[in-house]
N, C-alpha and C. Protein backbone atom coordinates (compact mmCIF):
# COMPACT_ATOMS: atom_id res chain seq x y z
N MET A 1 19.11 -12.31 17.44
CA MET A 1 20.60 -11.51 16.63
C MET A 1 20.09 -10.98 16.18
N LYS A 2 20.74 -9.71 15.83
CA LYS A 2 20.58 -8.23 15.71
C LYS A 2 21.73 -8.12 14.13
N ILE A 3 21.13 -7.93 13.14
CA ILE A 3 21.70 -7.78 11.78
C ILE A 3 21.50 -6.57 10.74
N CYS A 4 22.61 -6.14 10.64
CA CYS A 4 22.06 -4.31 9.75
C CYS A 4 21.60 -5.16 8.47
N PHE A 5 20.29 -4.16 8.32
CA PHE A 5 19.99 -4.39 6.90
C PHE A 5 20.38 -3.18 6.23
N ALA A 6 21.11 -3.69 4.79
CA ALA A 6 21.92 -2.66 3.97
C ALA A 6 20.87 -1.99 2.98
N SER A 7 19.81 -0.90 3.45
CA SER A 7 19.00 -0.40 2.57
C SER A 7 18.54 0.80 3.03
N HIS A 8 18.09 1.91 2.47
CA HIS A 8 17.32 2.61 3.11
C HIS A 8 16.01 2.28 1.97
N ASN A 9 16.02 1.79 1.91
CA ASN A 9 13.99 1.15 1.13
C ASN A 9 13.41 0.77 2.08
N PRO A 10 12.25 1.53 2.32
CA PRO A 10 11.55 0.98 2.80
C PRO A 10 10.68 -0.42 2.87
N GLY A 11 10.10 -0.30 1.64
CA GLY A 11 9.72 -1.63 0.88
C GLY A 11 10.32 -2.86 1.02
N LYS A 12 11.64 -2.37 0.32
CA LYS A 12 12.58 -3.89 1.11
C LYS A 12 12.59 -3.83 2.27
N LEU A 13 13.07 -3.03 3.09
CA LEU A 13 12.88 -3.39 4.76
C LEU A 13 11.77 -4.34 5.53
N LYS A 14 10.55 -3.62 4.73
CA LYS A 14 9.44 -4.17 5.03
C LYS A 14 9.33 -6.16 4.67
N ARG A 15 9.74 -6.59 3.76
CA ARG A 15 9.94 -8.10 2.69
C ARG A 15 10.95 -8.44 3.34
N TYR A 16 12.15 -8.15 3.75
CA TYR A 16 12.82 -9.23 4.64
C TYR A 16 12.62 -9.04 5.96
N VAL A 17 12.04 -8.53 6.64
CA VAL A 17 11.92 -8.29 8.13
C VAL A 17 10.60 -9.51 7.84
N ALA A 18 9.67 -9.61 7.02
CA ALA A 18 8.58 -10.46 6.95
C ALA A 18 9.25 -11.87 6.58
N LEU A 19 10.39 -11.86 6.34
CA LEU A 19 10.94 -13.27 5.93
C LEU A 19 11.66 -13.71 6.43
N THR A 20 12.28 -12.87 7.44
CA THR A 20 13.70 -13.77 8.20
C THR A 20 12.90 -13.50 9.80
N GLU A 21 12.08 -13.27 10.47
CA GLU A 21 11.17 -12.80 11.73
C GLU A 21 11.00 -13.93 12.21
N GLU A 22 10.88 -14.73 11.19
CA GLU A 22 10.77 -16.84 12.06
C GLU A 22 11.99 -17.43 12.39
N PHE A 23 13.35 -16.72 11.91
CA PHE A 23 14.35 -17.20 12.90
C PHE A 23 15.19 -16.52 13.81
N GLY A 24 14.55 -15.75 14.40
CA GLY A 24 14.58 -14.97 15.59
C GLY A 24 15.75 -13.81 15.20
N VAL A 25 15.34 -13.21 14.16
CA VAL A 25 16.33 -11.90 13.81
C VAL A 25 15.83 -11.15 13.71
N GLU A 26 16.69 -9.94 14.09
CA GLU A 26 16.32 -8.29 14.24
C GLU A 26 16.77 -7.98 13.46
N LEU A 27 16.52 -7.16 11.98
CA LEU A 27 16.97 -6.85 11.01
C LEU A 27 17.01 -5.41 11.70
N VAL A 28 18.35 -4.85 11.50
CA VAL A 28 18.39 -2.92 12.20
C VAL A 28 18.29 -2.22 10.62
N PRO A 29 17.69 -1.32 10.57
CA PRO A 29 17.34 -0.17 9.55
C PRO A 29 18.46 0.70 9.64
N LEU A 30 19.28 0.91 8.45
CA LEU A 30 20.46 1.89 8.04
C LEU A 30 20.37 3.32 9.37
N SER A 31 19.07 3.86 9.31
CA SER A 31 18.49 4.57 9.59
C SER A 31 18.85 4.73 11.40
N GLU A 32 18.63 3.40 12.00
CA GLU A 32 18.13 3.45 13.72
C GLU A 32 20.43 3.36 14.14
N LEU A 33 20.55 3.38 12.60
CA LEU A 33 22.15 2.68 13.11
C LEU A 33 23.05 4.51 12.50
N GLY A 34 21.77 5.44 12.50
CA GLY A 34 22.26 7.06 11.94
C GLY A 34 23.30 7.09 10.49
N ILE A 35 22.73 5.43 10.34
CA ILE A 35 23.73 6.23 8.34
C ILE A 35 22.85 6.67 7.59
N THR A 36 23.26 7.45 7.06
CA THR A 36 22.45 8.17 5.94
C THR A 36 23.04 7.85 4.71
N GLU A 37 24.50 7.60 4.88
CA GLU A 37 25.27 7.09 3.04
C GLU A 37 24.53 6.01 2.39
N LYS A 38 24.71 6.67 1.36
CA LYS A 38 24.03 5.31 0.34
C LYS A 38 25.35 5.36 -0.36
N VAL A 39 25.51 3.64 -0.19
CA VAL A 39 26.73 2.63 -1.02
C VAL A 39 26.53 2.59 -2.36
N PRO A 40 27.71 3.18 -3.20
CA PRO A 40 27.10 2.81 -5.02
C PRO A 40 26.86 1.75 -5.32
N GLU A 41 26.71 1.38 -6.57
CA GLU A 41 26.48 -0.02 -6.72
C GLU A 41 26.91 -0.16 -8.29
N PRO A 42 28.25 -0.13 -8.73
CA PRO A 42 29.06 -0.29 -9.63
C PRO A 42 29.05 -1.08 -10.80
N PHE A 43 28.42 -2.62 -10.10
CA PHE A 43 29.10 -3.57 -10.77
C PHE A 43 28.14 -4.05 -11.78
N GLU A 44 28.05 -4.91 -12.45
CA GLU A 44 26.65 -5.33 -13.68
C GLU A 44 25.87 -6.33 -13.30
N THR A 45 26.13 -7.32 -11.89
CA THR A 45 24.85 -7.73 -11.55
C THR A 45 24.79 -7.76 -10.20
N SER A 46 23.81 -8.17 -9.52
CA SER A 46 22.78 -7.77 -8.70
C SER A 46 23.75 -8.46 -7.29
N GLN A 47 24.44 -9.95 -7.71
CA GLN A 47 24.87 -10.48 -6.53
C GLN A 47 26.17 -9.35 -6.28
N GLU A 48 27.00 -8.91 -6.91
CA GLU A 48 28.22 -8.29 -7.24
C GLU A 48 28.17 -7.21 -6.57
N ASN A 49 26.86 -6.46 -6.58
CA ASN A 49 26.24 -5.35 -6.07
C ASN A 49 25.90 -5.48 -4.50
N ALA A 50 25.21 -6.66 -4.34
CA ALA A 50 24.66 -6.66 -3.02
C ALA A 50 25.97 -7.00 -1.96
N MET A 51 27.09 -7.65 -2.09
CA MET A 51 28.01 -7.84 -1.96
C MET A 51 28.88 -7.31 -1.40
N HIS A 52 29.08 -5.99 -2.67
CA HIS A 52 30.12 -4.67 -1.98
C HIS A 52 28.77 -3.66 -0.99
N LYS A 53 27.52 -3.89 -1.76
CA LYS A 53 27.65 -3.03 -0.25
C LYS A 53 27.08 -3.42 1.36
N ALA A 54 27.25 -4.95 0.96
CA ALA A 54 27.29 -5.53 2.63
C ALA A 54 28.60 -5.24 3.06
N LYS A 55 29.72 -5.27 2.60
CA LYS A 55 31.32 -5.04 2.96
C LYS A 55 31.33 -3.72 3.43
N GLU A 56 30.65 -2.26 2.32
CA GLU A 56 30.84 -1.58 2.73
C GLU A 56 30.39 -0.77 4.25
N TYR A 57 28.99 -1.40 4.24
CA TYR A 57 28.41 -0.78 5.36
C TYR A 57 28.85 -1.85 6.10
N ALA A 58 29.41 -3.26 5.80
CA ALA A 58 30.34 -3.22 7.48
C ALA A 58 30.93 -2.62 8.02
N LYS A 59 31.84 -1.88 7.11
CA LYS A 59 32.79 -1.38 7.57
C LYS A 59 31.98 -0.44 8.49
N MET A 60 31.14 0.52 8.02
CA MET A 60 30.59 1.35 9.42
C MET A 60 29.83 0.93 10.29
N VAL A 61 29.26 -0.28 10.62
CA VAL A 61 28.82 -0.72 11.63
C VAL A 61 29.15 -1.71 12.31
N ASN A 62 30.14 -2.52 11.78
CA ASN A 62 31.05 -3.57 12.70
C ASN A 62 30.22 -4.40 13.02
N MET A 63 29.08 -4.66 12.36
CA MET A 63 28.13 -5.72 13.05
C MET A 63 27.99 -6.87 11.36
N PRO A 64 27.36 -7.90 11.41
CA PRO A 64 26.72 -8.46 10.58
C PRO A 64 25.62 -7.89 9.38
N VAL A 65 25.76 -8.22 8.39
CA VAL A 65 24.93 -7.06 6.90
C VAL A 65 24.35 -7.63 5.90
N LEU A 66 23.15 -8.11 6.52
CA LEU A 66 22.12 -8.70 5.51
C LEU A 66 21.53 -7.28 4.23
N ALA A 67 22.27 -7.89 2.72
CA ALA A 67 22.02 -7.00 1.81
C ALA A 67 21.50 -7.34 0.17
N CYS A 68 20.59 -6.43 -0.01
CA CYS A 68 20.25 -7.10 -1.63
C CYS A 68 19.96 -6.43 -2.68
N ASP A 69 20.46 -6.96 -3.82
CA ASP A 69 19.95 -6.15 -4.84
C ASP A 69 19.17 -6.71 -6.20
N GLU A 70 18.55 -6.01 -7.26
CA GLU A 70 18.12 -7.24 -8.05
C GLU A 70 18.07 -6.62 -9.14
N GLU A 71 18.11 -7.55 -10.43
CA GLU A 71 18.34 -7.11 -11.93
C GLU A 71 16.87 -7.98 -12.31
N MET A 72 16.85 -7.07 -13.80
CA MET A 72 15.64 -7.60 -14.38
C MET A 72 15.31 -7.21 -15.63
N ARG A 73 15.02 -8.53 -16.64
CA ARG A 73 14.31 -8.27 -18.00
C ARG A 73 13.23 -8.74 -18.32
N THR A 74 12.77 -8.22 -19.01
CA THR A 74 11.36 -8.13 -20.15
C THR A 74 11.64 -9.21 -21.19
N ASN A 75 10.50 -9.58 -21.48
CA ASN A 75 10.20 -10.18 -23.29
C ASN A 75 9.84 -9.23 -24.10
N PHE A 76 9.93 -7.91 -23.45
CA PHE A 76 9.24 -6.80 -24.36
C PHE A 76 10.04 -5.77 -24.93
N LEU A 77 11.26 -5.54 -24.36
CA LEU A 77 11.86 -4.77 -24.72
C LEU A 77 12.94 -5.08 -25.59
N PRO A 78 13.89 -4.39 -26.09
CA PRO A 78 14.68 -4.48 -27.56
C PRO A 78 16.21 -4.78 -26.38
N GLU A 79 16.90 -5.32 -26.22
CA GLU A 79 18.17 -5.26 -25.60
C GLU A 79 18.50 -3.99 -24.95
N LYS A 80 18.91 -2.80 -25.94
CA LYS A 80 19.34 -1.98 -25.82
C LYS A 80 18.47 -1.32 -24.33
N LEU A 81 16.99 -1.66 -24.37
CA LEU A 81 16.43 -0.70 -22.98
C LEU A 81 16.34 -1.83 -21.72
N GLN A 82 16.81 -2.92 -22.09
CA GLN A 82 16.64 -4.63 -20.83
C GLN A 82 17.26 -3.18 -19.80
N PRO A 83 16.79 -3.77 -18.38
CA PRO A 83 17.38 -2.22 -17.90
C PRO A 83 18.39 -3.33 -16.64
N GLY A 84 18.57 -4.55 -16.63
CA GLY A 84 19.61 -5.29 -15.83
C GLY A 84 19.77 -4.73 -14.37
N VAL A 85 20.72 -4.08 -13.62
CA VAL A 85 20.84 -3.78 -12.22
C VAL A 85 20.17 -2.16 -13.05
N LEU A 86 19.48 -1.69 -13.20
CA LEU A 86 19.40 -0.59 -13.46
C LEU A 86 17.50 -0.24 -13.88
N VAL A 87 17.32 -0.78 -12.58
CA VAL A 87 15.59 -0.90 -12.92
C VAL A 87 14.84 0.36 -12.25
N ARG A 88 16.09 0.75 -11.12
CA ARG A 88 15.51 2.00 -10.68
C ARG A 88 16.07 3.36 -11.00
N ARG A 89 17.23 3.11 -11.90
CA ARG A 89 17.92 4.20 -12.48
C ARG A 89 17.53 4.35 -13.87
N LEU A 90 16.25 3.97 -14.06
CA LEU A 90 16.09 4.36 -15.44
C LEU A 90 16.75 4.25 -16.81
N GLY A 91 17.76 3.12 -16.09
CA GLY A 91 18.51 3.27 -17.40
C GLY A 91 19.91 3.94 -17.95
N GLN A 92 19.82 4.91 -16.90
CA GLN A 92 21.27 5.60 -17.08
C GLN A 92 21.48 6.63 -15.90
N ASP A 93 22.97 7.54 -15.46
CA ASP A 93 23.58 7.29 -14.10
C ASP A 93 22.95 8.73 -14.21
N LEU A 94 22.46 8.40 -12.96
CA LEU A 94 21.52 10.10 -12.48
C LEU A 94 22.16 10.61 -11.65
N ASP A 95 22.28 12.30 -11.39
CA ASP A 95 23.23 12.45 -9.82
C ASP A 95 22.22 12.52 -8.55
N ARG A 96 21.20 11.80 -9.24
CA ARG A 96 19.96 11.63 -7.84
C ARG A 96 19.02 10.47 -7.74
N ASP A 97 18.57 9.77 -7.17
CA ASP A 97 17.61 8.93 -7.10
C ASP A 97 16.45 9.50 -7.83
N PRO A 98 15.97 8.94 -8.40
CA PRO A 98 14.24 9.34 -8.87
C PRO A 98 13.54 8.87 -8.19
N THR A 99 12.53 9.76 -8.01
CA THR A 99 11.24 9.43 -7.16
C THR A 99 10.73 8.30 -7.69
N ASP A 100 9.79 7.50 -6.96
CA ASP A 100 8.84 6.47 -7.20
C ASP A 100 7.66 6.97 -8.24
N GLN A 101 7.41 8.24 -8.13
CA GLN A 101 6.80 8.61 -9.32
C GLN A 101 7.38 8.48 -10.59
N GLU A 102 8.50 9.25 -10.70
CA GLU A 102 9.04 9.03 -11.94
C GLU A 102 9.29 7.68 -12.42
N VAL A 103 9.65 6.46 -11.62
CA VAL A 103 9.92 5.09 -11.95
C VAL A 103 8.64 4.65 -12.68
N ILE A 104 7.69 4.87 -11.72
CA ILE A 104 5.99 4.43 -12.09
C ILE A 104 5.98 4.80 -13.55
N ASP A 105 6.18 6.30 -13.86
CA ASP A 105 5.67 7.43 -15.10
C ASP A 105 6.86 6.50 -16.69
N HIS A 106 8.23 6.34 -16.45
CA HIS A 106 8.96 6.17 -16.95
C HIS A 106 8.57 4.69 -17.58
N TRP A 107 8.23 3.55 -16.69
CA TRP A 107 7.85 2.69 -16.96
C TRP A 107 6.67 2.51 -17.26
N LEU A 108 5.41 2.92 -17.04
CA LEU A 108 4.47 3.40 -18.01
C LEU A 108 4.55 3.13 -19.16
N GLN A 109 5.34 4.64 -19.61
CA GLN A 109 5.65 4.88 -20.94
C GLN A 109 6.45 3.87 -22.00
N LEU A 110 7.31 2.86 -21.06
CA LEU A 110 7.94 1.78 -21.83
C LEU A 110 7.17 0.93 -22.48
N ILE A 111 6.10 0.41 -21.03
CA ILE A 111 5.35 -0.67 -22.09
C ILE A 111 4.40 -0.14 -22.75
N LYS A 112 3.87 1.41 -23.37
CA LYS A 112 2.68 1.63 -23.55
C LYS A 112 4.08 1.48 -25.02
N ASP A 113 5.26 1.90 -24.84
CA ASP A 113 6.00 2.53 -26.30
C ASP A 113 6.26 1.11 -26.74
N ASN A 114 6.33 -0.21 -26.41
CA ASN A 114 6.95 -1.23 -26.70
C ASN A 114 5.59 -2.61 -26.40
N PRO A 115 4.89 -2.87 -27.05
CA PRO A 115 3.32 -3.47 -27.35
C PRO A 115 4.51 -4.95 -27.14
N HIS A 116 3.48 -5.87 -26.53
CA HIS A 116 3.69 -7.11 -26.81
C HIS A 116 2.16 -7.93 -26.00
N GLU A 117 1.87 -8.92 -26.80
CA GLU A 117 0.33 -9.87 -26.30
C GLU A 117 0.52 -10.17 -24.55
N ASN A 118 1.54 -10.36 -24.39
CA ASN A 118 1.88 -10.72 -22.87
C ASN A 118 2.89 -10.05 -22.37
N GLN A 119 3.33 -9.22 -21.81
CA GLN A 119 4.49 -8.46 -21.15
C GLN A 119 4.49 -9.34 -20.05
N GLU A 120 5.61 -9.92 -20.01
CA GLU A 120 6.43 -10.38 -18.86
C GLU A 120 7.74 -9.57 -18.21
N PHE A 121 7.86 -9.51 -16.85
CA PHE A 121 8.90 -9.37 -16.15
C PHE A 121 9.92 -10.61 -15.25
N TYR A 122 11.11 -10.46 -15.19
CA TYR A 122 11.76 -11.57 -15.07
C TYR A 122 12.65 -11.01 -14.24
N TRP A 123 12.52 -11.57 -12.91
CA TRP A 123 13.84 -10.30 -11.75
C TRP A 123 14.64 -11.88 -10.98
N ASP A 124 15.78 -11.40 -10.70
CA ASP A 124 17.19 -11.84 -9.93
C ASP A 124 16.72 -11.46 -8.79
N PHE A 125 16.44 -11.57 -7.64
CA PHE A 125 16.80 -10.70 -6.39
C PHE A 125 18.13 -12.06 -5.72
N SER A 126 19.30 -10.90 -5.51
CA SER A 126 20.25 -11.46 -4.68
C SER A 126 20.16 -11.36 -3.03
N VAL A 127 20.43 -11.89 -2.99
CA VAL A 127 20.82 -11.61 -1.32
C VAL A 127 22.26 -11.89 -0.56
N VAL A 128 22.27 -10.93 0.43
CA VAL A 128 23.71 -11.58 0.81
C VAL A 128 24.02 -11.55 2.77
N LEU A 129 25.29 -12.15 3.29
CA LEU A 129 25.08 -12.12 4.75
C LEU A 129 26.51 -12.21 4.00
N TYR A 130 26.96 -10.91 5.04
CA TYR A 130 28.66 -10.49 5.15
C TYR A 130 29.03 -10.41 7.05
N ASP A 131 29.65 -11.52 7.67
CA ASP A 131 30.24 -11.03 9.25
C ASP A 131 31.42 -10.71 8.90
N PRO A 132 31.68 -9.03 9.57
CA PRO A 132 32.89 -8.57 9.65
C PRO A 132 33.43 -9.08 10.65
N ALA A 133 33.15 -9.83 11.54
CA ALA A 133 34.21 -10.86 12.83
C ALA A 133 34.53 -12.20 11.91
N SER A 134 33.86 -12.65 11.28
CA SER A 134 34.12 -14.10 11.00
C SER A 134 34.89 -14.13 9.93
N GLY A 135 34.35 -13.02 8.81
CA GLY A 135 34.72 -13.19 7.52
C GLY A 135 33.86 -13.97 6.54
N PHE A 136 32.63 -14.47 7.65
CA PHE A 136 31.40 -15.38 6.29
C PHE A 136 31.03 -14.49 5.67
N GLU A 137 31.02 -15.26 4.66
CA GLU A 137 30.22 -14.46 2.91
C GLU A 137 29.00 -15.39 2.62
N GLY A 138 28.04 -15.36 2.82
CA GLY A 138 26.53 -15.96 2.13
C GLY A 138 26.37 -15.31 0.72
N ALA A 139 25.53 -16.17 0.22
CA ALA A 139 25.47 -15.38 -1.60
C ALA A 139 24.10 -16.26 -1.81
N ILE A 140 22.87 -15.90 -2.15
CA ILE A 140 22.36 -16.10 -3.54
C ILE A 140 20.79 -15.83 -4.37
N THR A 141 20.83 -16.30 -5.09
CA THR A 141 20.02 -15.53 -5.63
C THR A 141 18.79 -15.91 -6.13
N VAL A 142 17.63 -15.26 -5.96
CA VAL A 142 16.42 -16.28 -5.99
C VAL A 142 15.59 -15.55 -7.41
N THR A 143 14.81 -16.08 -8.02
CA THR A 143 13.77 -15.40 -8.94
C THR A 143 12.28 -15.39 -8.75
N GLN A 144 12.24 -13.99 -9.52
CA GLN A 144 10.49 -14.27 -9.47
C GLN A 144 9.80 -13.72 -10.50
N GLU A 145 9.02 -14.03 -11.20
CA GLU A 145 8.20 -13.33 -12.58
C GLU A 145 6.88 -12.94 -12.68
N SER A 146 6.78 -11.93 -12.78
CA SER A 146 5.41 -11.26 -12.89
C SER A 146 4.84 -10.57 -14.53
N GLU A 147 4.18 -10.68 -14.21
CA GLU A 147 3.17 -9.59 -15.61
C GLU A 147 2.71 -8.60 -15.50
N ILE A 148 2.48 -7.86 -16.58
CA ILE A 148 1.44 -6.40 -16.78
C ILE A 148 -0.07 -6.52 -15.98
N ALA A 149 -0.31 -6.31 -15.42
CA ALA A 149 -1.66 -6.20 -14.60
C ALA A 149 -2.46 -5.38 -15.34
N ASP A 150 -3.82 -6.21 -15.18
CA ASP A 150 -4.98 -5.15 -16.03
C ASP A 150 -5.39 -4.22 -15.74
N TYR A 151 -4.66 -3.07 -14.80
CA TYR A 151 -4.76 -1.71 -14.43
C TYR A 151 -4.01 -1.61 -13.73
N VAL A 152 -3.63 0.16 -13.21
CA VAL A 152 -2.43 0.69 -12.74
C VAL A 152 -3.22 0.91 -10.87
N SER A 153 -2.48 0.32 -10.54
CA SER A 153 -3.47 0.68 -9.05
C SER A 153 -3.71 1.66 -8.29
N LYS A 154 -4.16 2.01 -7.21
CA LYS A 154 -4.46 3.55 -6.68
C LYS A 154 -3.32 3.16 -5.32
N ASN A 155 -3.18 1.68 -4.59
CA ASN A 155 -2.67 1.36 -3.64
C ASN A 155 -1.11 1.36 -4.04
N TYR A 156 -0.14 2.08 -2.71
CA TYR A 156 1.27 2.72 -3.26
C TYR A 156 1.98 1.60 -2.40
N ASN A 157 3.81 1.44 -2.86
CA ASN A 157 3.93 0.65 -1.57
C ASN A 157 5.20 1.28 -1.81
N PRO A 158 5.73 2.22 -1.19
CA PRO A 158 6.74 3.30 -1.11
C PRO A 158 7.98 1.76 -0.92
N GLY A 159 8.65 2.34 -2.03
CA GLY A 159 10.21 1.64 -2.01
C GLY A 159 9.88 0.78 -3.37
N TYR A 160 8.59 0.52 -3.40
CA TYR A 160 8.40 -0.86 -4.62
C TYR A 160 7.09 0.02 -5.77
N PRO A 161 7.73 0.47 -6.54
CA PRO A 161 6.81 1.84 -7.30
C PRO A 161 6.34 0.67 -8.00
N MET A 162 6.83 -0.18 -8.90
CA MET A 162 6.28 -1.06 -9.71
C MET A 162 5.50 -1.88 -9.42
N SER A 163 5.25 -2.25 -8.50
CA SER A 163 4.14 -3.04 -7.63
C SER A 163 2.95 -2.43 -7.88
N THR A 164 2.63 -1.00 -8.54
CA THR A 164 1.26 -0.59 -8.53
C THR A 164 0.95 -1.07 -10.50
N PHE A 165 1.36 -1.73 -11.21
CA PHE A 165 1.49 -1.89 -12.44
C PHE A 165 1.44 -3.74 -12.88
N MET A 166 2.61 -4.25 -12.09
CA MET A 166 2.77 -5.49 -11.92
C MET A 166 2.15 -6.90 -10.92
N SER A 167 1.98 -7.93 -11.61
CA SER A 167 1.31 -8.73 -11.25
C SER A 167 2.20 -9.70 -10.94
N PRO A 168 1.77 -10.59 -9.82
CA PRO A 168 2.72 -11.55 -9.82
C PRO A 168 2.19 -12.82 -10.69
N LYS A 169 2.98 -13.51 -11.73
CA LYS A 169 2.46 -14.36 -12.58
C LYS A 169 1.23 -15.41 -11.83
N GLY A 170 0.24 -15.84 -13.02
CA GLY A 170 0.02 -16.81 -12.48
C GLY A 170 -1.44 -16.15 -11.50
N THR A 171 -1.45 -14.85 -11.11
CA THR A 171 -2.28 -14.88 -9.67
C THR A 171 -3.74 -13.88 -9.76
N GLY A 172 -3.84 -13.99 -11.64
CA GLY A 172 -5.05 -13.24 -11.83
C GLY A 172 -4.66 -11.92 -12.36
N ARG A 173 -3.37 -11.02 -12.96
CA ARG A 173 -3.24 -9.86 -13.24
C ARG A 173 -3.90 -8.12 -12.30
N LYS A 174 -3.95 -9.06 -11.81
CA LYS A 174 -4.22 -7.81 -10.63
C LYS A 174 -2.97 -7.40 -9.73
N PRO A 175 -3.04 -5.73 -9.66
CA PRO A 175 -1.61 -5.39 -9.76
C PRO A 175 -1.26 -5.76 -8.07
N TYR A 176 0.15 -5.73 -7.60
CA TYR A 176 0.35 -6.88 -6.56
C TYR A 176 -0.36 -6.06 -5.16
N LEU A 177 -0.42 -5.13 -4.69
CA LEU A 177 -1.10 -4.79 -3.47
C LEU A 177 -2.66 -4.95 -3.54
N ASP A 178 -3.06 -5.31 -4.76
CA ASP A 178 -5.24 -5.77 -4.63
C ASP A 178 -4.58 -7.14 -4.76
N THR A 179 -3.90 -7.63 -4.96
CA THR A 179 -3.81 -8.78 -4.92
C THR A 179 -4.29 -9.50 -3.70
N PRO A 180 -4.82 -10.71 -3.47
CA PRO A 180 -5.06 -10.74 -1.77
C PRO A 180 -3.81 -11.31 -1.25
N GLN A 181 -3.58 -10.77 0.11
CA GLN A 181 -2.08 -10.79 1.19
C GLN A 181 -2.31 -12.29 1.24
N GLU A 182 -3.05 -13.16 1.15
CA GLU A 182 -2.77 -14.32 1.28
C GLU A 182 -1.90 -15.17 0.54
N VAL A 183 -2.95 -14.60 -0.99
CA VAL A 183 -1.86 -15.24 -2.10
C VAL A 183 -0.35 -14.51 -2.01
N ARG A 184 -0.32 -12.97 -2.05
CA ARG A 184 1.12 -12.64 -1.47
C ARG A 184 1.91 -13.36 -0.83
N THR A 185 1.47 -13.97 0.35
CA THR A 185 2.62 -14.50 1.34
C THR A 185 3.12 -15.70 0.63
N ARG A 186 2.06 -16.50 -0.32
CA ARG A 186 2.30 -18.08 -0.72
C ARG A 186 3.39 -17.41 -1.89
N VAL A 187 3.20 -16.37 -2.81
CA VAL A 187 4.12 -16.64 -4.40
C VAL A 187 5.01 -15.73 -3.18
N GLU A 188 5.71 -15.01 -2.15
CA GLU A 188 7.12 -14.78 -1.86
C GLU A 188 7.32 -15.57 -0.87
N ARG A 189 6.77 -16.74 -0.64
CA ARG A 189 7.81 -17.02 0.14
C ARG A 189 8.27 -18.66 -1.09
N ALA A 190 7.68 -18.75 -1.83
CA ALA A 190 7.70 -19.78 -2.78
C ALA A 190 8.90 -18.90 -3.59
N ASN A 191 8.83 -17.76 -3.67
CA ASN A 191 10.04 -17.32 -4.89
C ASN A 191 11.19 -17.52 -3.82
N TYR A 192 11.38 -17.24 -2.60
CA TYR A 192 12.37 -17.18 -1.89
C TYR A 192 12.59 -18.46 -0.71
N GLN A 193 12.22 -19.07 -1.61
CA GLN A 193 12.18 -21.01 -0.72
C GLN A 193 13.90 -21.18 -0.29
N PRO A 194 14.85 -20.99 -1.72
CA PRO A 194 16.16 -21.72 -1.64
C PRO A 194 16.68 -20.29 -0.55
N PHE A 195 16.37 -19.25 -0.73
CA PHE A 195 17.05 -18.36 0.76
C PHE A 195 16.43 -18.60 1.93
N LEU A 196 15.33 -19.23 2.00
CA LEU A 196 14.66 -19.61 3.30
C LEU A 196 15.41 -20.57 3.90
N GLU A 197 15.95 -21.60 2.84
CA GLU A 197 16.61 -23.26 3.29
C GLU A 197 18.03 -22.93 3.62
N ILE A 198 18.57 -21.92 3.09
CA ILE A 198 19.96 -22.02 3.36
C ILE A 198 19.84 -20.91 4.90
N PHE A 199 19.75 -20.08 4.84
CA PHE A 199 19.59 -18.83 5.79
C PHE A 199 19.87 -19.39 7.25
N PRO A 200 19.12 -19.96 8.03
CA PRO A 200 19.47 -20.95 9.08
C PRO A 200 21.01 -21.07 8.86
N GLU A 201 21.59 -21.80 7.84
CA GLU A 201 22.64 -21.96 8.20
C GLU A 201 23.70 -20.91 7.94
N TRP A 202 23.15 -19.95 7.43
CA TRP A 202 24.39 -18.68 7.48
C TRP A 202 24.92 -18.34 8.94
N LEU A 203 23.55 -18.05 9.66
CA LEU A 203 23.12 -17.67 10.98
C LEU A 203 23.68 -18.53 11.98
N LYS A 204 24.45 -19.90 11.66
CA LYS A 204 24.99 -20.83 12.04
C LYS A 204 26.66 -20.29 11.76
N GLN A 205 27.03 -19.64 11.05
CA GLN A 205 28.35 -19.37 10.40
C GLN A 205 28.63 -18.39 11.33
N ILE A 206 27.72 -17.36 11.59
CA ILE A 206 28.14 -15.67 11.77
C ILE A 206 27.67 -16.13 13.51
N HIS A 207 27.37 -17.24 14.08
CA HIS A 207 27.46 -17.19 15.19
C HIS A 207 28.52 -17.87 15.65
N GLY A 208 29.05 -18.62 15.24
CA GLY A 208 30.17 -19.11 15.59
C GLY A 208 31.65 -17.88 15.68
C-alpha cells in the first residue's frame, strides 16, 4: 500500500520508513509526487499540526497521508524559552527555515547559557494517518526522553540536527548517531510501541 509521507525532512522519512516497512507499506515522499510546497504549522500542539498537514497534503495528492510533528520541553530552560512546537524554528517566526547548523548552534548556546546538573529533553511525537477517500483520521502521540551527551558528535543526520548532542536517556550519554545501531533500534521501537500497535488497525480502516 502506498501512503504519502507529509514531510520534506529526510531524517523523518528514514525514521518512519524503518518503523512501517514491516506492515507492507510504501511511504512515498512528497518529492516523488512533485510536491515542493511546505504546509504551515500554525497550531500550538504537535497533534493539531500533524493533522493539519495530513489534510492539506491529501488535497494535493488524493491518497492516504501519514504526517508527524513534534514538540519538546526541557528541565533546564525557563518557561519563556521552552520551545514547544517551535523546536526547529528557534523559538520565533522566521521567513525561512533555519539550516541544521543554525539549529545546532542555537541549541548549544542555550545549553551553555542555562546550566543544569543533568540537562534533559522531553519529546512528544504526534503521528496521524488521514485517508481522504474514507474520511478516516487516526492520531497518536508517543514520547521520548533524551539527555545531553558528553560531547558533540561529528556524525550528522540531515533533518535531525539535535541528534549531534542528544543521547537516548539511559544509554551511556553518547550522541545518538554514536550509540550502537542495535541500541538505537531498541529504544526507537520501545518509544514508538503504541504507534506500532495501532498502525495495523489504521491500515484496515483505509483498506475499507
